Amino acid sequence: MRRALVALLWLCLALPVAAGETIVAGLSENRVSITADFVGSEILVYGAVKREEAIPKTPRLHVIVTVEGPSTPLVVRKKERRFGIWVNTESVQIGRAPSFYAVATTGFLADILSETENLRHQITIPRAIRAVGISAMAKDSPGLVEALLRIREAEGQFRLDERTVQLTEATLFRTDVELPANLTEGLYRVRIFLTRGGVVVDHLERQINVRKEGLERFLTNLAREQPLIYGFLSLLIAVAAGYGASTAFRLLKS
């Protein structure tokens, strides 16, 4: 009963704040084109907090911005050295893992977001990975998931940038999110959260369309729709390149 009363009290305190503060936000661009010379892009996320009442002094307002790329299932394997060779010993099937995930915040994430709200909205990088029921697949299934996180963080695909969101007068906010060169084509989900005391009081979602253009798109469509022609052209280009290299070598030698 005591826990229920405390939970009801927190709910009553949060409702007026949630009703009085909403997000108005935009993106510097909602479309990214991947071409042959694409080296990455930078997206500006900006906005303001719309209020119907005066700015509450406590608890302090914070902003969290997440950018999530298309999710796909994948298999994570563990290799061990056996009899002088490396072999796969364990593997887990992860139901969903984003190809790219970035989190930017105004403060330290552990201080501005409760675990309950994180579980509800799937905000942090580990929560964005759907790895339910993998404990029965391998003895060290948590270790395999942690290895996936380390690998993608090292590749720049998973990023946590704390205290990089600028918040002015508890009203205007902005942050820059860098997109790497090896982007996966598809829709990227941008989410913006307002939190007070670790509780999400409002959130907003936008989308960025990432598409291949020009020669890159032509080759991708050709590989998907006409794999035989794509394979033949790849073989023809390889033969031509080899013949050209050998001819140039003979001319230089003579």
C-alpha atoms as a PDB file:
ATOM      1  CA  MET A   1       0.000   0.000   0.000  1.00  0.00           C
ATOM      2  CA  ARG A   2       2.812   2.399   0.850  1.00  0.00           C
ATOM      3  CA  ARG A   3       4.505   1.806  -2.510  1.00  0.00           C
ATOM      4  CA  ALA A   4       1.197   2.381  -4.300  1.00  0.00           C
ATOM      5  CA  LEU A   5       0.688   5.708  -2.509  1.00  0.00           C
ATOM      6  CA  VAL A   6       4.234   6.828  -3.378  1.00  0.00           C
ATOM      7  CA  ALA A   7       3.709   5.889  -7.035  1.00  0.00           C
ATOM      8  CA  LEU A   8       0.396   7.785  -7.104  1.00  0.00           C
ATOM      9  CA  LEU A   9       2.063  10.852  -5.569  1.00  0.00           C
ATOM     10  CA  TRP A  10       4.799  10.835  -8.210  1.00  0.00           C
ATOM     11  CA  LEU A  11       2.188  10.507 -10.952  1.00  0.00           C
ATOM     12  CA  CYS A  12       0.212  13.475  -9.630  1.00  0.00           C
ATOM     13  CA  LEU A  13       3.361  15.606  -9.479  1.00  0.00           C
ATOM     14  CA  ALA A  14       4.427  14.684 -13.010  1.00  0.00           C
ATOM     15  CA  LEU A  15       1.129  15.212 -14.820  1.00  0.00           C
ATOM     16  CA  PRO A  16       0.981  19.043 -14.676  1.00  0.00           C
ATOM     17  CA  VAL A  17       4.581  19.327 -15.915  1.00  0.00           C
ATOM     18  CA  ALA A  18       3.973  16.863 -18.762  1.00  0.00           C
ATOM     19  CA  ALA A  19       0.850  18.751 -19.811  1.00  0.00           C
ATOM     20  CA  GLY A  20       2.626  22.140 -19.763  1.00  0.00           C
ATOM     21  CA  GLU A  21       5.838  21.357 -21.655  1.00  0.00           C
ATOM     22  CA  THR A  22       5.959  20.119 -25.236  1.00  0.00           C
ATOM     23  CA  ILE A  23       8.698  19.898 -27.866  1.00  0.00           C
ATOM     24  CA  VAL A  24       8.847  21.944 -31.062  1.00  0.00           C
ATOM     25  CA  ALA A  25      11.818  20.707 -33.126  1.00  0.00           C
ATOM     26  CA  GLY A  26      13.279  20.384 -36.591  1.00  0.00           C
ATOM     27  CA  LEU A  27      16.232  18.956 -38.540  1.00  0.00           C
ATOM     28  CA  SER A  28      18.741  20.743 -40.745  1.00  0.00           C
ATOM     29  CA  GLU A  29      17.941  18.138 -43.410  1.00  0.00           C
ATOM     30  CA  ASN A  30      15.613  15.162 -43.610  1.00  0.00           C
ATOM     31  CA  ARG A  31      17.253  13.502 -46.603  1.00  0.00           C
ATOM     32  CA  VAL A  32      20.817  12.205 -47.013  1.00  0.00           C
ATOM     33  CA  SER A  33      22.119  11.017 -50.397  1.00  0.00           C
ATOM     34  CA  ILE A  34      24.878   8.395 -50.539  1.00  0.00           C
ATOM     35  CA  THR A  35      27.045   8.886 -53.622  1.00  0.00           C
ATOM     36  CA  ALA A  36      30.406   7.539 -54.748  1.00  0.00           C
ATOM     37  CA  ASP A  37      32.258  10.349 -52.907  1.00  0.00           C
ATOM     38  CA  PHE A  38      30.109  10.293 -49.744  1.00  0.00           C
ATOM     39  CA  VAL A  39      32.282  10.691 -46.641  1.00  0.00           C
ATOM     40  CA  GLY A  40      29.586  11.154 -44.016  1.00  0.00           C
ATOM     41  CA  SER A  41      27.176  13.875 -43.006  1.00  0.00           C
ATOM     42  CA  GLU A  42      26.261  16.045 -40.051  1.00  0.00           C
ATOM     43  CA  ILE A  43      22.660  16.615 -38.972  1.00  0.00           C
ATOM     44  CA  LEU A  44      21.651  19.572 -36.826  1.00  0.00           C
ATOM     45  CA  VAL A  45      18.812  18.804 -34.423  1.00  0.00           C
ATOM     46  CA  TYR A  46      17.296  21.974 -32.984  1.00  0.00           C
ATOM     47  CA  GLY A  47      14.133  23.073 -31.253  1.00  0.00           C
ATOM     48  CA  ALA A  48      12.408  24.714 -28.324  1.00  0.00           C
ATOM     49  CA  VAL A  49      10.231  23.837 -25.367  1.00  0.00           C
ATOM     50  CA  LYS A  50       6.698  25.192 -25.637  1.00  0.00           C
ATOM     51  CA  ARG A  51       5.032  25.988 -22.310  1.00  0.00           C
ATOM     52  CA  GLU A  52       1.627  27.013 -21.105  1.00  0.00           C
ATOM     53  CA  GLU A  53       2.915  28.025 -17.673  1.00  0.00           C
ATOM     54  CA  ALA A  54       6.052  29.486 -16.107  1.00  0.00           C
ATOM     55  CA  ILE A  55       9.284  27.465 -16.234  1.00  0.00           C
ATOM     56  CA  PRO A  56       9.415  25.085 -13.244  1.00  0.00           C
ATOM     57  CA  LYS A  57      12.589  25.640 -11.247  1.00  0.00           C
ATOM     58  CA  THR A  58      12.962  22.057 -10.023  1.00  0.00           C
ATOM     59  CA  PRO A  59      13.714  19.434 -10.994  1.00  0.00           C
ATOM     60  CA  ARG A  60      16.016  20.630 -13.757  1.00  0.00           C
ATOM     61  CA  LEU A  61      15.002  20.109 -17.390  1.00  0.00           C
ATOM     62  CA  HIS A  62      17.157  17.886 -19.619  1.00  0.00           C
ATOM     63  CA  VAL A  63      17.095  16.902 -23.285  1.00  0.00           C
ATOM     64  CA  ILE A  64      18.005  13.539 -24.835  1.00  0.00           C
ATOM     65  CA  VAL A  65      18.359  13.057 -28.606  1.00  0.00           C
ATOM     66  CA  THR A  66      18.647   9.636 -30.250  1.00  0.00           C
ATOM     67  CA  VAL A  67      19.263   8.776 -33.912  1.00  0.00           C
ATOM     68  CA  GLU A  68      18.546   5.171 -34.881  1.00  0.00           C
ATOM     69  CA  GLY A  69      19.301   3.482 -38.191  1.00  0.00           C
ATOM     70  CA  PRO A  70      17.399   0.556 -39.766  1.00  0.00           C
ATOM     71  CA  SER A  71      17.375  -2.555 -37.567  1.00  0.00           C
ATOM     72  CA  THR A  72      18.117  -6.072 -38.759  1.00  0.00           C
ATOM     73  CA  PRO A  73      18.495  -9.485 -37.104  1.00  0.00           C
ATOM     74  CA  LEU A  74      22.037 -10.797 -36.800  1.00  0.00           C
ATOM     75  CA  VAL A  75      24.100 -13.641 -35.390  1.00  0.00           C
ATOM     76  CA  VAL A  76      27.001 -12.969 -33.009  1.00  0.00           C
ATOM     77  CA  ARG A  77      29.620 -15.719 -32.882  1.00  0.00           C
ATOM     78  CA  LYS A  78      32.435 -16.403 -30.448  1.00  0.00           C
ATOM     79  CA  LYS A  79      35.711 -17.772 -31.819  1.00  0.00           C
ATOM     80  CA  GLU A  80      38.268 -19.769 -29.878  1.00  0.00           C
ATOM     81  CA  ARG A  81      41.593 -21.290 -30.846  1.00  0.00           C
ATOM     82  CA  ARG A  82      41.315 -25.072 -31.005  1.00  0.00           C
ATOM     83  CA  PHE A  83      44.126 -27.333 -32.230  1.00  0.00           C
ATOM     84  CA  GLY A  84      45.931 -24.386 -33.803  1.00  0.00           C
ATOM     85  CA  ILE A  85      42.955 -22.989 -35.740  1.00  0.00           C
ATOM     86  CA  TRP A  86      40.184 -20.509 -34.928  1.00  0.00           C
ATOM     87  CA  VAL A  87      36.700 -22.039 -34.840  1.00  0.00           C
ATOM     88  CA  ASN A  88      33.227 -20.831 -33.867  1.00  0.00           C
ATOM     89  CA  THR A  89      32.356 -22.206 -30.434  1.00  0.00           C
ATOM     90  CA  GLU A  90      29.225 -20.271 -29.445  1.00  0.00           C
ATOM     91  CA  SER A  91      26.665 -18.079 -31.179  1.00  0.00           C
ATOM     92  CA  VAL A  92      23.508 -16.136 -30.324  1.00  0.00           C
ATOM     93  CA  GLN A  93      20.701 -14.910 -32.557  1.00  0.00           C
ATOM     94  CA  ILE A  94      19.803 -11.291 -31.854  1.00  0.00           C
ATOM     95  CA  GLY A  95      16.301 -10.445 -32.977  1.00  0.00           C
ATOM     96  CA  ARG A  96      16.982  -6.796 -33.728  1.00  0.00           C
ATOM     97  CA  ALA A  97      20.019  -4.538 -33.695  1.00  0.00           C
ATOM     98  CA  PRO A  98      20.182  -1.040 -35.219  1.00  0.00           C
ATOM     99  CA  SER A  99      22.769  -0.474 -37.933  1.00  0.00           C
ATOM    100  CA  PHE A 100      23.517   2.910 -36.347  1.00  0.00           C
ATOM    101  CA  TYR A 101      22.596   4.389 -32.971  1.00  0.00           C
ATOM    102  CA  ALA A 102      23.680   7.673 -31.439  1.00  0.00           C
ATOM    103  CA  VAL A 103      22.623   9.233 -28.151  1.00  0.00           C
ATOM    104  CA  ALA A 104      23.277  12.891 -27.251  1.00  0.00           C
ATOM    105  CA  THR A 105      22.294  14.431 -23.917  1.00  0.00           C
ATOM    106  CA  THR A 106      22.481  17.623 -21.883  1.00  0.00           C
ATOM    107  CA  GLY A 107      23.796  15.749 -18.818  1.00  0.00           C
ATOM    108  CA  PHE A 108      25.087  12.383 -17.735  1.00  0.00           C
ATOM    109  CA  LEU A 109      22.565   9.793 -18.865  1.00  0.00           C
ATOM    110  CA  ALA A 110      22.553   7.943 -15.542  1.00  0.00           C
ATOM    111  CA  ASP A 111      21.564  11.167 -13.759  1.00  0.00           C
ATOM    112  CA  ILE A 112      18.809  12.384 -16.092  1.00  0.00           C
ATOM    113  CA  LEU A 113      16.982   9.152 -17.003  1.00  0.00           C
ATOM    114  CA  SER A 114      15.552   6.504 -14.696  1.00  0.00           C
ATOM    115  CA  GLU A 115      15.813   2.832 -15.547  1.00  0.00           C
ATOM    116  CA  THR A 116      12.022   2.574 -15.628  1.00  0.00           C
ATOM    117  CA  GLU A 117      11.745   5.298 -18.276  1.00  0.00           C
ATOM    118  CA  ASN A 118      14.659   3.788 -20.177  1.00  0.00           C
ATOM    119  CA  LEU A 119      12.884   0.440 -20.260  1.00  0.00           C
ATOM    120  CA  ARG A 120       9.640   2.072 -21.371  1.00  0.00           C
ATOM    121  CA  HIS A 121      11.078   4.156 -24.215  1.00  0.00           C
ATOM    122  CA  GLN A 122      14.120   1.989 -25.172  1.00  0.00           C
ATOM    123  CA  ILE A 123      16.476   4.986 -25.129  1.00  0.00           C
ATOM    124  CA  THR A 124      19.980   3.707 -24.315  1.00  0.00           C
ATOM    125  CA  ILE A 125      22.042   1.654 -26.754  1.00  0.00           C
ATOM    126  CA  PRO A 126      21.720  -1.692 -24.896  1.00  0.00           C
ATOM    127  CA  ARG A 127      17.943  -1.208 -24.705  1.00  0.00           C
ATOM    128  CA  ALA A 128      17.795  -0.602 -28.457  1.00  0.00           C
ATOM    129  CA  ILE A 129      19.125  -4.117 -29.076  1.00  0.00           C
ATOM    130  CA  ARG A 130      16.442  -6.786 -28.919  1.00  0.00           C
ATOM    131  CA  ALA A 131      18.190  -9.725 -27.271  1.00  0.00           C
ATOM    132  CA  VAL A 132      15.313 -11.391 -25.443  1.00  0.00           C
ATOM    133  CA  GLY A 133      15.680 -15.068 -24.585  1.00  0.00           C
ATOM    134  CA  ILE A 134      19.288 -15.476 -25.735  1.00  0.00           C
ATOM    135  CA  SER A 135      20.561 -16.775 -22.387  1.00  0.00           C
ATOM    136  CA  ALA A 136      19.673 -20.327 -23.407  1.00  0.00           C
ATOM    137  CA  MET A 137      21.615 -20.122 -26.690  1.00  0.00           C
ATOM    138  CA  ALA A 138      25.117 -19.821 -25.235  1.00  0.00           C
ATOM    139  CA  LYS A 139      26.863 -19.929 -21.883  1.00  0.00           C
ATOM    140  CA  ASP A 140      28.349 -16.481 -22.353  1.00  0.00           C
ATOM    141  CA  SER A 141      25.442 -14.798 -24.168  1.00  0.00           C
ATOM    142  CA  PRO A 142      25.771 -11.476 -22.217  1.00  0.00           C
ATOM    143  CA  GLY A 143      29.456 -11.402 -23.128  1.00  0.00           C
ATOM    144  CA  LEU A 144      28.622 -11.838 -26.823  1.00  0.00           C
ATOM    145  CA  VAL A 145      26.179  -8.922 -26.705  1.00  0.00           C
ATOM    146  CA  GLU A 146      28.807  -6.768 -24.952  1.00  0.00           C
ATOM    147  CA  ALA A 147      31.289  -7.724 -27.676  1.00  0.00           C
ATOM    148  CA  LEU A 148      28.801  -6.532 -30.304  1.00  0.00           C
ATOM    149  CA  LEU A 149      28.527  -3.207 -28.468  1.00  0.00           C
ATOM    150  CA  ARG A 150      32.328  -2.816 -28.294  1.00  0.00           C
ATOM    151  CA  ILE A 151      32.794  -3.628 -31.980  1.00  0.00           C
ATOM    152  CA  ARG A 152      30.146  -1.196 -33.193  1.00  0.00           C
ATOM    153  CA  GLU A 153      31.347   1.513 -30.831  1.00  0.00           C
ATOM    154  CA  ALA A 154      34.870   1.096 -32.220  1.00  0.00           C
ATOM    155  CA  GLU A 155      33.462   1.351 -35.773  1.00  0.00           C
ATOM    156  CA  GLY A 156      31.539   4.519 -34.887  1.00  0.00           C
ATOM    157  CA  GLN A 157      28.165   2.859 -35.417  1.00  0.00           C
ATOM    158  CA  PHE A 158      27.142   3.127 -31.737  1.00  0.00           C
ATOM    159  CA  ARG A 159      27.864   6.439 -29.986  1.00  0.00           C
ATOM    160  CA  LEU A 160      27.030   7.964 -26.632  1.00  0.00           C
ATOM    161  CA  ASP A 161      27.777  11.712 -26.546  1.00  0.00           C
ATOM    162  CA  GLU A 162      26.867  12.960 -23.093  1.00  0.00           C
ATOM    163  CA  ARG A 163      26.614  16.706 -22.372  1.00  0.00           C
ATOM    164  CA  THR A 164      26.728  17.635 -26.065  1.00  0.00           C
ATOM    165  CA  VAL A 165      23.175  19.004 -26.306  1.00  0.00           C
ATOM    166  CA  GLN A 166      23.131  22.762 -25.700  1.00  0.00           C
ATOM    167  CA  LEU A 167      20.124  23.965 -23.699  1.00  0.00           C
ATOM    168  CA  THR A 168      19.664  27.732 -23.363  1.00  0.00           C
ATOM    169  CA  GLU A 169      17.418  29.229 -20.677  1.00  0.00           C
ATOM    170  CA  ALA A 170      15.717  25.837 -20.312  1.00  0.00           C
ATOM    171  CA  THR A 171      13.950  26.582 -23.607  1.00  0.00           C
ATOM    172  CA  LEU A 172      16.145  26.425 -26.734  1.00  0.00           C
ATOM    173  CA  PHE A 173      18.216  23.349 -27.541  1.00  0.00           C
ATOM    174  CA  ARG A 174      20.480  22.141 -30.324  1.00  0.00           C
ATOM    175  CA  THR A 175      23.018  19.427 -31.078  1.00  0.00           C
ATOM    176  CA  ASP A 176      24.981  18.111 -34.065  1.00  0.00           C
ATOM    177  CA  VAL A 177      24.876  14.385 -34.855  1.00  0.00           C
ATOM    178  CA  GLU A 178      27.590  12.996 -37.126  1.00  0.00           C
ATOM    179  CA  LEU A 179      26.563  10.253 -39.535  1.00  0.00           C
ATOM    180  CA  PRO A 180      29.457   7.997 -40.679  1.00  0.00           C
ATOM    181  CA  ALA A 181      30.359   7.218 -44.276  1.00  0.00           C
ATOM    182  CA  ASN A 182      29.271   3.562 -44.095  1.00  0.00           C
ATOM    183  CA  LEU A 183      25.570   4.262 -43.604  1.00  0.00           C
ATOM    184  CA  THR A 184      22.900   1.649 -44.260  1.00  0.00           C
ATOM    185  CA  GLU A 185      20.207   2.757 -46.673  1.00  0.00           C
ATOM    186  CA  GLY A 186      16.760   3.315 -45.162  1.00  0.00           C
ATOM    187  CA  LEU A 187      14.776   5.471 -42.737  1.00  0.00           C
ATOM    188  CA  TYR A 188      16.598   6.831 -39.676  1.00  0.00           C
ATOM    189  CA  ARG A 189      14.463   7.615 -36.639  1.00  0.00           C
ATOM    190  CA  VAL A 190      15.283  10.771 -34.661  1.00  0.00           C
ATOM    191  CA  ARG A 191      13.730  10.960 -31.188  1.00  0.00           C
ATOM    192  CA  ILE A 192      13.847  13.879 -28.764  1.00  0.00           C
ATOM    193  CA  PHE A 193      12.977  13.468 -25.082  1.00  0.00           C
ATOM    194  CA  LEU A 194      12.402  16.011 -22.327  1.00  0.00           C
ATOM    195  CA  THR A 195      13.094  14.725 -18.817  1.00  0.00           C
ATOM    196  CA  ARG A 196      12.698  16.099 -15.316  1.00  0.00           C
ATOM    197  CA  GLY A 197      13.905  14.142 -12.328  1.00  0.00           C
ATOM    198  CA  GLY A 198      14.590  11.144 -14.560  1.00  0.00           C
ATOM    199  CA  VAL A 199      11.000  11.077 -15.879  1.00  0.00           C
ATOM    200  CA  VAL A 200      10.144  11.641 -19.566  1.00  0.00           C
ATOM    201  CA  VAL A 201       7.640  14.514 -19.726  1.00  0.00           C
ATOM    202  CA  ASP A 202       7.391  14.723 -23.525  1.00  0.00           C
ATOM    203  CA  HIS A 203       8.938  13.208 -26.631  1.00  0.00           C
ATOM    204  CA  LEU A 204       8.896  13.882 -30.363  1.00  0.00           C
ATOM    205  CA  GLU A 205       9.920  11.814 -33.387  1.00  0.00           C
ATOM    206  CA  ARG A 206      11.246  12.783 -36.817  1.00  0.00           C
ATOM    207  CA  GLN A 207      12.731  10.801 -39.728  1.00  0.00           C
ATOM    208  CA  ILE A 208      15.742  11.078 -42.036  1.00  0.00           C
ATOM    209  CA  ASN A 209      15.612   9.285 -45.378  1.00  0.00           C
ATOM    210  CA  VAL A 210      19.028   7.893 -46.355  1.00  0.00           C
ATOM    211  CA  ARG A 211      19.221   6.722 -49.972  1.00  0.00           C
ATOM    212  CA  LYS A 212      21.902   5.806 -52.457  1.00  0.00           C
ATOM    213  CA  GLU A 213      22.010   8.008 -55.545  1.00  0.00           C
ATOM    214  CA  GLY A 214      23.680   7.960 -58.947  1.00  0.00           C
ATOM    215  CA  LEU A 215      26.053   5.098 -59.732  1.00  0.00           C
ATOM    216  CA  GLU A 216      25.793   3.700 -56.212  1.00  0.00           C
ATOM    217  CA  ARG A 217      22.016   3.286 -56.508  1.00  0.00           C
ATOM    218  CA  PHE A 218      22.287   1.845 -60.030  1.00  0.00           C
ATOM    219  CA  LEU A 219      24.734  -0.843 -58.916  1.00  0.00           C
ATOM    220  CA  THR A 220      22.684  -1.666 -55.807  1.00  0.00           C
ATOM    221  CA  ASN A 221      19.469  -2.055 -57.802  1.00  0.00           C
ATOM    222  CA  LEU A 222      21.280  -4.081 -60.437  1.00  0.00           C
ATOM    223  CA  ALA A 223      22.686  -6.471 -57.826  1.00  0.00           C
ATOM    224  CA  ARG A 224      19.238  -6.977 -56.294  1.00  0.00           C
ATOM    225  CA  GLU A 225      17.094  -7.147 -59.428  1.00  0.00           C
ATOM    226  CA  GLN A 226      19.518  -8.609 -62.022  1.00  0.00           C
ATOM    227  CA  PRO A 227      22.158 -10.606 -60.117  1.00  0.00           C
ATOM    228  CA  LEU A 228      23.305 -12.528 -63.231  1.00  0.00           C
ATOM    229  CA  ILE A 229      23.953  -9.338 -65.197  1.00  0.00           C
ATOM    230  CA  TYR A 230      25.645  -7.783 -62.165  1.00  0.00           C
ATOM    231  CA  GLY A 231      27.900 -10.828 -61.793  1.00  0.00           C
ATOM    232  CA  PHE A 232      28.765 -10.802 -65.492  1.00  0.00           C
ATOM    233  CA  LEU A 233      29.637  -7.089 -65.409  1.00  0.00           C
ATOM    234  CA  SER A 234      31.764  -7.589 -62.291  1.00  0.00           C
ATOM    235  CA  LEU A 235      33.662 -10.413 -64.031  1.00  0.00           C
ATOM    236  CA  LEU A 236      34.087  -8.318 -67.180  1.00  0.00           C
ATOM    237  CA  ILE A 237      35.449  -5.371 -65.193  1.00  0.00           C
ATOM    238  CA  ALA A 238      37.866  -7.657 -63.313  1.00  0.00           C
ATOM    239  CA  VAL A 239      39.161  -9.150 -66.579  1.00  0.00           C
ATOM    240  CA  ALA A 240      39.545  -5.709 -68.155  1.00  0.00           C
ATOM    241  CA  ALA A 241      41.378  -4.390 -65.115  1.00  0.00           C
ATOM    242  CA  GLY A 242      43.739  -7.372 -65.083  1.00  0.00           C
ATOM    243  CA  TYR A 243      44.442  -7.088 -68.800  1.00  0.00           C
ATOM    244  CA  GLY A 244      45.046  -3.343 -68.505  1.00  0.00           C
ATOM    245  CA  ALA A 245      47.443  -3.831 -65.584  1.00  0.00           C
ATOM    246  CA  SER A 246      49.409  -6.528 -67.401  1.00  0.00           C
ATOM    247  CA  THR A 247      49.619  -4.394 -70.552  1.00  0.00           C
ATOM    248  CA  ALA A 248      50.857  -1.403 -68.593  1.00  0.00           C
ATOM    249  CA  PHE A 249      53.455  -3.585 -66.851  1.00  0.00           C
ATOM    250  CA  ARG A 250      54.791  -4.871 -70.184  1.00  0.00           C
ATOM    251  CA  LEU A 251      55.028  -1.368 -71.598  1.00  0.00           C
ATOM    252  CA  LEU A 252      56.915  -0.149 -68.550  1.00  0.00           C
ATOM    253  CA  LYS A 253      59.235  -3.124 -68.678  1.00  0.00           C
ATOM    254  CA  SER A 254      60.057  -2.642 -72.320  1.00  0.00           C
END
